[in-house]
Amino acid sequence: MLMALLMVFVLAAKAQNELFLKGNIAPAGGIKLTETTTNQWESEVTLDDSNVFLFSDKYVYFECPQTSYRSDNIRINGGTYTVKFNLSTKAWSFSAPVDEYRISAFGSSVCNGQGADNFKGYAYMYGEQLKERYGNKDSDNPFYTSGISIGGNNTQNLLDRYAEMTRNYSRYVIVGLSMGNEGIHESGNKQQTLNQFSTNMQTIIRKIKADGKIPVVMNNYTRGDFTLEDYKYIKEMNLLIHEWDVCSFNTLGAIDDGTGKWASGYMKDNAHPTHNGHKEFFYAMTPSLFDALASGKAQPKRDMSKEMTLSGGSLVKFRGEALVHPFTISVRVKGAAVGRLFTYKLTSGTREGKVMVDDEGHVVYTSPTNRVLTSTGALTDGEWHTITLTHYYAQGRTLLYFDDEQVGEQRERISSLGDVTIGDEEKEVTRQLSELFFWRSALTPEEVKAVTEGKLLKSSLELYVPTASSQVLENLATSTNTVEYIEGTTSALQSLPALPVHSFQAYDLQGRLASVSQKGIIIANGRKTIR
């Protein structure tokens, strides 16, 4: 009888359930979880994904050997989590504190790095830049990016797997999609496709905000098979994104060829850019944007009521953060005085590009290679005008706009933008300045038109300064970059009284006036010299 009871006890002991968390980012053999109550387990676990780069390749699963239960694979990044599992209901959860410095890259294949070397695309590059900024003490925040993108995803896919984003426990989320995966090219009703993309994107943004996170949107970009009609809807959608209550990056202005296709030499395949194409996307991303968000900086609003006078060689000066490839500089000005509106230098060498006003009030762009564009419009009417210079690095193309009129274009590739100065330090010029804009991306004609109509386009906007006065030059854009006011000296020099002109004579040793050609010992201006 005792032997029978012992056998029952042994069998019961053998039948006791055990639960393991296994997978390719779990330790070999898995992690044995602690049973807290019958059929319920809870443990703190650490998952290591250092040997698995792509989010779509990372997984864990629950396994109970005694019941032959194995859950489906669960995608999750590495980290330390509190894990709970109920064997009766098969319910599970992962929880962790929100990481104030983690930025989830939540999107499709381009956001996942496809086309770049080893999938290290724009999101990865941006993360490396953020780490470098912290290491160089350009930032107080050790931000980093964490990929949770999957190739082929569209807006509905992101909504369907939204929980994967919440399990990444980041404070910030970059949403990286385009209407290519939404089917804009194949669509028989492109307006409906645009509406679907817009509605779903705004739903994603609202959900992210409701969860206490801060979203940032990559706007729509090109594709190898886009038609001009597709391109029209891409640009229309981007104009909407510019004005949403969310920060965004202008990827179209980074690598567009002007027809909605990849710029020549930047297409890996129909749907993906090359490694250098990813770099152009990365250059359009404002380096200090997340520092500004962490500080609580509000979304900028357009203010066209301010103005200041630039005269006497006074300048407003700035420089883009880090390396600048595509860019747009725009100033709202009044006054037809002859002289410089603004000047940019390159980061190496002495070459510069100049936007000037000629003696008839026309606006003239002179490139660093001395090629010239001249507007037909003039600043002689005493009204405010917006002068815009936009450069597509990938296209090798610079365009000048007088308000929304395209003056012309130069085929050139500006290696890297250096210092930019508004005003003329070389001569006495008086002009009114109302607004200064600097985008880390080129603008389409439709975008330039929107700016002249009074809209504030925020995608890749690094500087927006309503110029109230030399003492009030606040950058309202979502960055920590600033502008500098430099007091001019031209007027001060011109206002000094003229110095008297003295005529000094030369004499020989006998006290006689010496001729210019006379040789010998000469006394000139009180000093003895030998000719």
Protein backbone atom coordinates (compact mmCIF):
# COMPACT_ATOMS: atom_id res chain seq x y z
CA MET A 1 0.00 0.00 0.00
CA LEU A 2 2.81 2.39 0.90
CA MET A 3 4.61 1.52 -2.33
CA ALA A 4 1.46 2.33 -4.36
CA LEU A 5 1.09 5.73 -2.69
CA LEU A 6 4.74 6.48 -3.34
CA MET A 7 4.31 5.64 -7.02
CA VAL A 8 1.28 7.95 -7.26
CA PHE A 9 3.29 10.75 -5.61
CA VAL A 10 6.17 10.25 -8.04
CA LEU A 11 3.84 10.23 -11.04
CA ALA A 12 2.14 13.41 -9.79
CA ALA A 13 5.49 15.08 -9.34
CA LYS A 14 6.48 14.14 -12.85
CA ALA A 15 3.24 15.55 -14.22
CA GLN A 16 3.83 19.02 -12.68
CA ASN A 17 3.89 21.58 -15.49
CA GLU A 18 6.95 23.66 -16.36
CA LEU A 19 6.98 26.68 -18.65
CA PHE A 20 9.86 27.98 -20.76
CA LEU A 21 10.36 31.09 -22.85
CA LYS A 22 12.40 30.11 -25.90
CA GLY A 23 13.37 31.64 -29.24
CA ASN A 24 16.31 32.95 -31.22
CA ILE A 25 16.85 35.94 -28.90
CA ALA A 26 16.44 33.85 -25.70
CA PRO A 27 19.39 32.01 -24.08
CA ALA A 28 20.14 28.50 -25.35
CA GLY A 29 17.67 26.08 -23.81
CA GLY A 30 15.26 28.87 -23.00
CA ILE A 31 14.35 30.62 -19.75
CA LYS A 32 12.42 28.63 -17.14
CA LEU A 33 9.64 30.81 -15.75
CA THR A 34 8.44 30.85 -12.15
CA GLU A 35 4.97 29.48 -11.39
CA THR A 36 3.23 31.96 -9.06
CA THR A 37 -0.15 30.22 -8.78
CA THR A 38 -1.60 27.16 -10.46
CA ASN A 39 -1.03 27.39 -14.24
CA GLN A 40 0.21 30.99 -14.00
CA TRP A 41 3.83 32.06 -14.39
CA GLU A 42 5.64 35.38 -13.96
CA SER A 43 9.35 36.15 -14.26
CA GLU A 44 11.75 38.90 -15.23
CA VAL A 45 13.62 37.91 -18.39
CA THR A 46 16.43 39.43 -20.44
CA LEU A 47 16.42 38.86 -24.19
CA ASP A 48 19.53 39.46 -26.29
CA ASP A 49 19.03 40.42 -29.95
CA SER A 50 22.63 41.50 -30.63
CA ASN A 51 23.08 38.70 -33.16
CA VAL A 52 19.78 39.27 -35.01
CA PHE A 53 19.48 42.62 -36.84
CA LEU A 54 16.06 42.62 -38.50
CA PHE A 55 12.95 42.90 -36.34
CA SER A 56 11.08 40.44 -38.56
CA ASP A 57 13.71 37.77 -37.71
CA LYS A 58 13.50 38.19 -33.92
CA TYR A 59 11.14 35.94 -32.01
CA VAL A 60 10.32 34.16 -28.75
CA TYR A 61 7.66 31.59 -27.86
CA PHE A 62 6.22 29.87 -24.78
CA GLU A 63 6.60 26.12 -24.39
CA CYS A 64 5.20 23.67 -21.81
CA PRO A 65 6.80 20.21 -22.36
CA GLN A 66 4.33 18.36 -20.14
CA THR A 67 1.31 19.43 -22.19
CA SER A 68 3.13 19.61 -25.56
CA TYR A 69 2.03 23.23 -25.79
CA ARG A 70 3.99 25.65 -27.96
CA SER A 71 2.76 29.15 -28.67
CA ASP A 72 3.10 31.00 -31.95
CA ASN A 73 6.25 33.08 -32.46
CA ILE A 74 6.08 36.51 -30.85
CA ARG A 75 8.12 39.31 -32.46
CA ILE A 76 9.90 41.47 -29.92
CA ASN A 77 13.18 43.36 -29.60
CA GLY A 78 15.81 42.56 -27.02
CA GLY A 79 15.57 44.00 -23.52
CA THR A 80 14.53 43.20 -19.97
CA TYR A 81 10.83 42.45 -19.46
CA THR A 82 8.41 41.17 -16.85
CA VAL A 83 6.68 38.22 -18.55
CA LYS A 84 3.33 36.74 -17.50
CA PHE A 85 1.65 33.61 -18.89
CA ASN A 86 -1.60 31.77 -18.09
CA LEU A 87 -1.57 28.16 -19.31
CA SER A 88 -5.33 27.86 -18.91
CA THR A 89 -6.26 30.83 -21.11
CA LYS A 90 -2.98 31.01 -23.07
CA ALA A 91 -2.91 34.74 -22.28
CA TRP A 92 0.54 36.33 -22.09
CA SER A 93 2.08 39.76 -21.66
CA PHE A 94 5.44 41.53 -21.73
CA SER A 95 5.88 44.71 -19.71
CA ALA A 96 8.77 47.13 -19.12
CA PRO A 97 9.31 50.77 -18.20
CA VAL A 98 9.06 53.22 -21.09
CA ASP A 99 12.56 54.09 -22.35
CA GLU A 100 12.72 57.89 -22.59
CA TYR A 101 15.50 57.71 -25.19
CA ARG A 102 14.26 54.92 -27.45
CA ILE A 103 12.83 55.87 -30.86
CA SER A 104 10.84 53.09 -32.53
CA ALA A 105 11.12 53.01 -36.34
CA PHE A 106 7.68 51.62 -37.22
CA GLY A 107 7.06 51.17 -40.94
CA SER A 108 7.68 49.18 -44.09
CA SER A 109 10.69 47.95 -46.06
CA VAL A 110 12.38 51.32 -46.68
CA CYS A 111 12.09 52.16 -42.98
CA ASN A 112 13.48 48.64 -42.45
CA GLY A 113 16.58 49.56 -44.45
CA GLN A 114 15.93 47.60 -47.64
CA GLY A 115 18.24 48.76 -50.40
CA ALA A 116 20.95 49.89 -47.98
CA ASP A 117 24.07 47.87 -47.20
CA ASN A 118 23.22 45.19 -44.61
CA PHE A 119 19.79 46.83 -44.14
CA LYS A 120 21.44 49.75 -42.35
CA GLY A 121 19.17 52.38 -43.86
CA TYR A 122 18.04 55.86 -42.94
CA ALA A 123 16.61 54.90 -39.53
CA TYR A 124 19.85 53.16 -38.56
CA MET A 125 21.94 56.07 -39.88
CA TYR A 126 19.87 58.55 -37.91
CA GLY A 127 20.29 56.47 -34.76
CA GLU A 128 24.07 56.48 -35.22
CA GLN A 129 24.02 60.26 -35.64
CA LEU A 130 22.01 60.65 -32.42
CA LYS A 131 24.55 58.54 -30.53
CA GLU A 132 27.36 60.64 -32.00
CA ARG A 133 25.64 63.87 -30.97
CA TYR A 134 25.41 62.61 -27.41
CA GLY A 135 29.03 61.46 -27.43
CA ASN A 136 30.16 64.87 -28.73
CA LYS A 137 28.00 66.65 -26.11
CA ASP A 138 25.88 68.25 -28.84
CA SER A 139 22.92 66.64 -27.08
CA ASP A 140 22.12 65.91 -23.45
CA ASN A 141 19.97 62.94 -24.46
CA PRO A 142 21.32 59.46 -25.34
CA PHE A 143 18.69 58.82 -28.01
CA TYR A 144 18.82 55.71 -30.19
CA THR A 145 16.60 54.08 -32.80
CA SER A 146 14.97 50.66 -32.48
CA GLY A 147 13.65 48.99 -35.62
CA ILE A 148 10.18 47.42 -35.64
CA SER A 149 9.53 47.74 -39.39
CA ILE A 150 8.46 44.92 -41.72
CA GLY A 151 8.69 44.91 -45.51
CA GLY A 152 5.45 45.25 -47.46
CA ASN A 153 3.52 46.91 -44.64
CA ASN A 154 0.88 49.56 -45.29
CA THR A 155 -1.24 51.62 -42.90
CA GLN A 156 -3.64 48.76 -42.18
CA ASN A 157 -0.76 46.40 -41.38
CA LEU A 158 0.57 48.88 -38.82
CA LEU A 159 -2.84 49.13 -37.22
CA ASP A 160 -3.12 45.32 -37.16
CA ARG A 161 0.24 44.87 -35.42
CA TYR A 162 0.07 48.00 -33.31
CA ALA A 163 0.72 45.90 -30.18
CA GLU A 164 4.22 45.14 -31.47
CA MET A 165 4.96 48.84 -31.32
CA THR A 166 3.63 49.17 -27.75
CA ARG A 167 5.82 46.21 -26.72
CA ASN A 168 8.86 48.18 -27.80
CA TYR A 169 8.34 50.54 -24.84
CA SER A 170 9.73 53.63 -26.53
CA ARG A 171 8.85 57.25 -25.84
CA TYR A 172 9.06 58.22 -29.54
CA VAL A 173 7.83 56.57 -32.75
CA ILE A 174 8.93 57.31 -36.33
CA VAL A 175 6.16 56.16 -38.69
CA GLY A 176 7.81 55.27 -41.99
CA LEU A 177 5.32 54.52 -44.78
CA SER A 178 4.47 55.73 -48.26
CA MET A 179 1.45 55.35 -50.53
CA GLY A 180 3.35 52.92 -52.74
CA ASN A 181 2.42 50.01 -50.44
CA GLU A 182 -1.06 51.50 -50.12
CA GLY A 183 -1.47 50.73 -53.83
CA ILE A 184 -1.62 54.27 -55.25
CA HIS A 185 -0.03 53.21 -58.55
CA GLU A 186 -2.38 50.29 -59.14
CA SER A 187 -5.48 52.03 -57.78
CA GLY A 188 -8.47 52.73 -60.01
CA ASN A 189 -9.58 55.40 -57.53
CA LYS A 190 -6.48 57.25 -56.41
CA GLN A 191 -8.38 59.82 -54.36
CA GLN A 192 -9.95 57.00 -52.37
CA THR A 193 -6.50 55.47 -51.81
CA LEU A 194 -5.18 58.83 -50.62
CA ASN A 195 -8.15 59.21 -48.26
CA GLN A 196 -7.54 55.72 -46.86
CA PHE A 197 -3.86 56.45 -46.28
CA SER A 198 -4.65 59.81 -44.66
CA THR A 199 -7.38 58.40 -42.40
CA ASN A 200 -5.34 55.40 -41.26
CA MET A 201 -2.21 57.49 -40.69
CA GLN A 202 -4.13 59.92 -38.52
CA THR A 203 -5.59 56.98 -36.59
CA ILE A 204 -2.08 55.63 -35.98
CA ILE A 205 -0.94 59.08 -34.83
CA ARG A 206 -3.89 59.45 -32.44
CA LYS A 207 -3.28 55.98 -30.95
CA ILE A 208 0.42 56.73 -30.42
CA LYS A 209 -0.40 60.01 -28.69
CA ALA A 210 -3.11 58.35 -26.58
CA ASP A 211 -0.48 55.87 -25.36
CA GLY A 212 1.70 58.74 -24.13
CA LYS A 213 4.19 58.48 -26.97
CA ILE A 214 5.33 61.14 -29.46
CA PRO A 215 4.95 60.34 -33.18
CA VAL A 216 7.09 61.65 -36.04
CA VAL A 217 6.08 60.97 -39.66
CA MET A 218 8.21 60.29 -42.73
CA ASN A 219 6.24 61.75 -45.61
CA ASN A 220 5.66 60.09 -49.00
CA TYR A 221 8.54 59.35 -51.32
CA THR A 222 9.10 58.19 -54.89
CA ARG A 223 8.96 54.86 -56.70
CA GLY A 224 10.39 53.64 -59.99
CA ASP A 225 7.00 53.05 -61.63
CA PHE A 226 5.10 56.15 -60.50
CA THR A 227 3.30 58.09 -63.21
CA LEU A 228 2.75 61.84 -63.21
CA GLU A 229 -0.77 61.16 -61.91
CA ASP A 230 0.63 59.06 -59.04
CA TYR A 231 3.11 61.87 -58.37
CA LYS A 232 0.27 64.40 -58.14
CA TYR A 233 -1.35 62.42 -55.31
CA ILE A 234 1.98 61.87 -53.53
CA LYS A 235 2.55 65.65 -53.48
CA GLU A 236 -1.04 66.30 -52.40
CA MET A 237 -0.68 63.92 -49.47
CA ASN A 238 2.60 65.48 -48.42
CA LEU A 239 1.02 68.94 -48.35
CA LEU A 240 -1.47 67.57 -45.83
CA ILE A 241 1.25 65.95 -43.70
CA HIS A 242 3.19 69.25 -43.58
CA GLU A 243 0.29 70.82 -41.72
CA TRP A 244 -0.67 67.98 -39.36
CA ASP A 245 -0.07 68.48 -35.65
CA VAL A 246 2.98 66.24 -35.77
CA CYS A 247 6.65 66.58 -36.71
CA SER A 248 7.64 65.15 -40.09
CA PHE A 249 10.53 64.67 -42.50
CA ASN A 250 10.38 65.52 -46.21
CA THR A 251 11.73 62.40 -47.94
CA LEU A 252 10.27 63.35 -51.34
CA GLY A 253 12.42 66.47 -51.47
CA ALA A 254 15.48 64.36 -50.71
CA ILE A 255 15.53 62.00 -53.69
CA ASP A 256 12.78 62.94 -56.16
CA ASP A 257 13.75 63.36 -59.82
CA GLY A 258 10.97 65.92 -60.45
CA THR A 259 8.53 63.37 -61.90
CA GLY A 260 7.94 61.12 -58.87
CA LYS A 261 10.69 58.62 -59.65
CA TRP A 262 14.01 57.97 -57.94
CA ALA A 263 16.77 60.38 -58.93
CA SER A 264 19.20 58.84 -61.41
CA GLY A 265 21.68 56.54 -59.69
CA TYR A 266 19.70 56.31 -56.43
CA MET A 267 17.32 53.43 -57.25
CA LYS A 268 18.19 49.97 -55.91
CA ASP A 269 15.00 48.49 -57.34
CA ASN A 270 11.55 49.74 -58.23
CA ALA A 271 10.45 50.28 -54.60
CA HIS A 272 13.73 50.92 -52.79
CA PRO A 273 16.58 53.43 -52.83
CA THR A 274 20.27 52.55 -52.86
CA HIS A 275 22.49 52.95 -49.82
CA ASN A 276 23.27 56.51 -50.94
CA GLY A 277 19.55 57.04 -51.43
CA HIS A 278 19.01 56.14 -47.79
CA LYS A 279 21.70 58.69 -46.95
CA GLU A 280 19.73 61.41 -48.73
CA PHE A 281 16.64 60.50 -46.66
CA PHE A 282 18.83 60.67 -43.55
CA TYR A 283 20.21 64.11 -44.47
CA ALA A 284 16.61 65.38 -44.60
CA MET A 285 16.11 64.44 -40.92
CA THR A 286 16.70 67.32 -38.49
CA PRO A 287 19.48 66.19 -36.10
CA SER A 288 18.16 68.01 -32.99
CA LEU A 289 14.44 67.34 -33.53
CA PHE A 290 14.16 64.86 -30.66
CA ASP A 291 16.09 67.16 -28.34
CA ALA A 292 13.51 69.84 -29.10
CA LEU A 293 10.66 67.39 -28.48
CA ALA A 294 12.23 66.23 -25.21
CA SER A 295 12.38 69.87 -24.07
CA GLY A 296 8.64 70.21 -24.67
CA LYS A 297 8.98 72.60 -27.59
CA ALA A 298 5.59 73.27 -29.19
CA GLN A 299 4.71 72.82 -32.84
CA PRO A 300 5.48 76.06 -34.71
CA LYS A 301 2.78 78.39 -36.01
CA ARG A 302 3.18 80.85 -38.87
CA ASP A 303 3.57 84.52 -37.87
CA MET A 304 3.71 86.96 -40.78
CA SER A 305 3.20 90.07 -38.63
CA LYS A 306 6.83 90.59 -37.61
CA GLU A 307 9.46 92.61 -39.43
CA MET A 308 12.86 94.15 -38.86
CA THR A 309 15.24 96.39 -40.78
CA LEU A 310 18.58 95.10 -41.99
CA SER A 311 20.92 97.98 -42.80
CA GLY A 312 24.46 99.22 -42.41
CA GLY A 313 25.97 95.81 -43.07
CA SER A 314 23.97 94.05 -40.35
CA LEU A 315 23.38 90.34 -40.92
CA VAL A 316 21.36 87.38 -39.75
CA LYS A 317 23.54 84.28 -39.91
CA PHE A 318 22.96 80.54 -39.47
CA ARG A 319 24.36 77.14 -40.34
CA GLY A 320 22.52 73.86 -40.77
CA GLU A 321 23.10 71.16 -38.19
CA ALA A 322 25.56 68.48 -39.38
CA LEU A 323 26.00 67.73 -43.09
CA VAL A 324 23.43 69.35 -45.40
CA HIS A 325 22.73 68.00 -48.90
CA PRO A 326 19.21 68.91 -50.13
CA PHE A 327 18.00 72.23 -48.73
CA THR A 328 15.67 75.18 -49.18
CA ILE A 329 16.31 78.75 -48.01
CA SER A 330 13.39 81.16 -48.14
CA VAL A 331 13.13 84.79 -47.02
CA ARG A 332 10.14 87.14 -46.99
CA VAL A 333 11.47 90.60 -47.78
CA LYS A 334 10.53 94.11 -48.85
CA GLY A 335 12.83 96.66 -50.52
CA ALA A 336 14.56 97.01 -53.88
CA ALA A 337 17.92 98.36 -52.71
CA VAL A 338 20.78 97.04 -54.82
CA GLY A 339 22.82 94.42 -52.96
CA ARG A 340 22.76 90.97 -51.44
CA LEU A 341 19.61 89.28 -50.12
CA PHE A 342 21.46 86.23 -48.86
CA THR A 343 24.67 84.33 -49.42
CA TYR A 344 25.66 80.74 -48.75
CA LYS A 345 29.12 79.27 -48.49
CA LEU A 346 30.26 75.70 -48.94
CA THR A 347 31.80 73.83 -46.02
CA SER A 348 35.11 73.60 -47.86
CA GLY A 349 36.92 76.11 -50.04
CA THR A 350 35.98 79.75 -50.61
CA ARG A 351 33.20 79.42 -53.18
CA GLU A 352 29.79 80.89 -52.45
CA GLY A 353 26.34 81.25 -53.96
CA LYS A 354 24.63 84.65 -53.91
CA VAL A 355 21.04 85.83 -54.22
CA MET A 356 21.11 89.56 -54.97
CA VAL A 357 18.95 92.46 -56.11
CA ASP A 358 20.13 94.27 -59.25
CA ASP A 359 19.70 97.95 -60.11
CA GLU A 360 16.24 97.28 -61.60
CA GLY A 361 14.99 95.41 -58.52
CA HIS A 362 15.22 91.96 -60.11
CA VAL A 363 16.39 89.01 -58.01
CA VAL A 364 19.56 87.36 -59.31
CA TYR A 365 21.03 84.03 -58.25
CA THR A 366 24.74 83.55 -58.98
CA SER A 367 25.89 79.97 -58.40
CA PRO A 368 29.30 79.03 -56.94
CA THR A 369 30.39 78.42 -60.54
CA ASN A 370 29.17 81.91 -61.57
CA ARG A 371 26.11 80.85 -63.55
CA VAL A 372 23.23 83.28 -63.28
CA LEU A 373 19.42 83.19 -62.98
CA THR A 374 17.45 86.47 -63.07
CA SER A 375 13.80 86.97 -62.15
CA THR A 376 11.32 88.85 -64.33
CA GLY A 377 9.55 89.98 -61.16
CA ALA A 378 11.01 92.92 -59.23
CA LEU A 379 11.01 94.16 -55.64
CA THR A 380 10.20 97.72 -56.71
CA ASP A 381 6.48 97.68 -55.80
CA GLY A 382 7.01 98.18 -52.06
CA GLU A 383 5.20 94.91 -51.24
CA TRP A 384 6.35 91.82 -49.37
CA HIS A 385 7.80 89.07 -51.55
CA THR A 386 9.06 85.56 -50.78
CA ILE A 387 12.36 84.60 -52.41
CA THR A 388 13.16 80.89 -52.35
CA LEU A 389 16.24 78.94 -53.36
CA THR A 390 15.78 75.16 -53.33
CA HIS A 391 18.43 72.55 -54.07
CA TYR A 392 17.99 68.87 -54.97
CA TYR A 393 21.36 67.29 -54.26
CA ALA A 394 20.43 63.90 -55.73
CA GLN A 395 19.08 65.51 -58.91
CA GLY A 396 21.98 67.96 -59.11
CA ARG A 397 19.52 70.82 -59.55
CA THR A 398 18.96 74.26 -57.97
CA LEU A 399 15.80 76.33 -58.56
CA LEU A 400 15.08 79.99 -57.80
CA TYR A 401 11.55 81.25 -57.10
CA PHE A 402 10.20 84.80 -56.97
CA ASP A 403 7.06 84.22 -54.87
CA ASP A 404 5.57 81.15 -56.57
CA GLU A 405 7.05 81.94 -59.99
CA GLN A 406 9.87 79.59 -60.94
CA VAL A 407 12.62 81.85 -62.24
CA GLY A 408 14.73 79.03 -63.62
CA GLU A 409 17.13 76.29 -62.62
CA GLN A 410 20.81 75.50 -62.60
CA ARG A 411 22.23 72.02 -63.06
CA GLU A 412 24.67 71.80 -60.18
CA ARG A 413 25.40 69.68 -57.12
CA ILE A 414 26.26 71.72 -54.06
CA SER A 415 28.69 69.51 -52.16
CA SER A 416 27.66 70.57 -48.65
CA LEU A 417 26.05 73.75 -47.38
CA GLY A 418 28.03 75.91 -44.97
CA ASP A 419 27.28 79.32 -43.44
CA VAL A 420 24.27 81.27 -44.70
CA THR A 421 24.04 85.05 -44.21
CA ILE A 422 20.97 87.22 -44.76
CA GLY A 423 21.89 90.81 -45.63
CA ASP A 424 24.85 92.59 -47.19
CA GLU A 425 27.97 93.28 -45.15
CA GLU A 426 29.87 94.85 -48.02
CA LYS A 427 27.76 97.94 -48.72
CA GLU A 428 25.06 100.16 -47.27
CA VAL A 429 21.78 98.37 -48.06
CA THR A 430 18.49 98.87 -46.21
CA ARG A 431 15.83 96.19 -46.53
CA GLN A 432 12.92 94.84 -44.48
CA LEU A 433 13.01 91.18 -43.41
CA SER A 434 9.87 89.46 -42.11
CA GLU A 435 10.52 85.69 -42.07
CA LEU A 436 13.40 83.28 -42.53
CA PHE A 437 12.93 79.58 -43.38
CA PHE A 438 15.46 76.79 -43.71
CA TRP A 439 14.41 73.26 -44.67
CA ARG A 440 16.74 70.24 -44.88
CA SER A 441 15.03 69.20 -48.10
CA ALA A 442 14.07 70.59 -51.49
CA LEU A 443 10.53 71.85 -52.11
CA THR A 444 8.23 71.11 -55.04
CA PRO A 445 6.56 74.00 -56.92
CA GLU A 446 3.33 73.18 -55.07
CA GLU A 447 5.11 73.47 -51.74
CA VAL A 448 6.72 76.80 -52.69
CA LYS A 449 3.27 78.07 -53.69
CA ALA A 450 1.85 76.99 -50.32
CA VAL A 451 4.57 78.95 -48.50
CA THR A 452 3.85 82.12 -50.50
CA GLU A 453 0.15 81.69 -49.69
CA GLY A 454 0.90 81.82 -45.98
CA LYS A 455 1.06 78.14 -45.00
CA LEU A 456 3.77 76.78 -42.72
CA LEU A 457 5.32 73.61 -44.13
CA LYS A 458 6.91 71.69 -41.25
CA SER A 459 8.46 68.60 -42.87
CA SER A 460 12.27 68.87 -42.44
CA LEU A 461 11.89 72.46 -41.22
CA GLU A 462 15.01 73.21 -39.15
CA LEU A 463 14.63 76.98 -38.86
CA TYR A 464 11.57 79.20 -38.87
CA VAL A 465 12.29 82.70 -37.57
CA PRO A 466 9.72 85.51 -37.63
CA THR A 467 12.10 88.49 -37.44
CA ALA A 468 10.67 90.73 -34.73
CA SER A 469 13.93 92.59 -34.03
CA SER A 470 17.65 92.04 -33.67
CA GLN A 471 16.96 91.09 -30.03
CA VAL A 472 14.03 88.76 -30.84
CA LEU A 473 15.11 86.15 -33.40
CA GLU A 474 13.51 83.03 -31.98
CA ASN A 475 13.59 79.81 -33.98
CA LEU A 476 10.08 78.34 -33.77
CA ALA A 477 10.89 75.20 -35.78
CA THR A 478 11.23 71.88 -33.93
CA SER A 479 14.99 71.97 -33.55
CA THR A 480 17.50 73.50 -31.17
CA ASN A 481 19.34 75.34 -33.94
CA THR A 482 19.58 79.12 -33.66
CA VAL A 483 20.35 82.17 -35.77
CA GLU A 484 22.82 84.91 -34.94
CA TYR A 485 22.43 88.66 -35.43
CA ILE A 486 25.63 90.48 -36.37
CA GLU A 487 25.66 94.26 -36.03
CA GLY A 488 26.97 95.92 -39.19
CA THR A 489 29.80 98.47 -39.42
CA THR A 490 29.12 99.91 -42.86
CA SER A 491 26.99 102.87 -41.63
CA ALA A 492 29.35 103.58 -38.75
CA LEU A 493 32.31 103.81 -41.08
CA GLN A 494 30.44 106.03 -43.51
CA SER A 495 29.35 108.40 -40.73
CA LEU A 496 32.88 109.10 -39.45
CA PRO A 497 34.14 112.62 -40.31
CA ALA A 498 36.65 112.75 -43.11
CA LEU A 499 40.23 112.94 -41.89
CA PRO A 500 42.28 115.93 -43.04
CA VAL A 501 44.65 115.22 -45.92
CA HIS A 502 48.22 116.23 -45.27
CA SER A 503 50.74 116.69 -48.04
CA PHE A 504 54.25 115.70 -46.98
CA GLN A 505 57.26 117.15 -48.85
CA ALA A 506 60.77 115.71 -49.32
CA TYR A 507 63.98 117.84 -48.94
CA ASP A 508 67.67 117.29 -49.51
CA LEU A 509 70.29 117.90 -46.79
CA GLN A 510 70.59 121.55 -47.87
CA GLY A 511 66.91 122.10 -47.14
CA ARG A 512 65.91 122.36 -50.79
CA LEU A 513 62.74 120.66 -52.15
CA ALA A 514 63.73 117.33 -53.64
CA SER A 515 62.31 116.14 -56.96
CA VAL A 516 60.78 112.68 -57.25
CA SER A 517 63.71 111.40 -59.27
CA GLN A 518 66.43 113.01 -57.14
CA LYS A 519 69.08 110.63 -55.74
CA GLY A 520 71.10 110.91 -52.54
CA ILE A 521 70.25 111.45 -48.87
CA ILE A 522 66.69 112.77 -48.61
CA ILE A 523 64.62 113.94 -45.62
CA ALA A 524 60.98 112.81 -46.16
CA ASN A 525 58.27 113.11 -43.50
CA GLY A 526 60.94 113.75 -40.87
CA ARG A 527 62.93 110.63 -41.68
CA LYS A 528 66.26 110.30 -43.42
CA THR A 529 66.28 107.87 -46.34
CA ILE A 530 68.69 107.02 -49.11
CA ARG A 531 67.51 106.95 -52.71
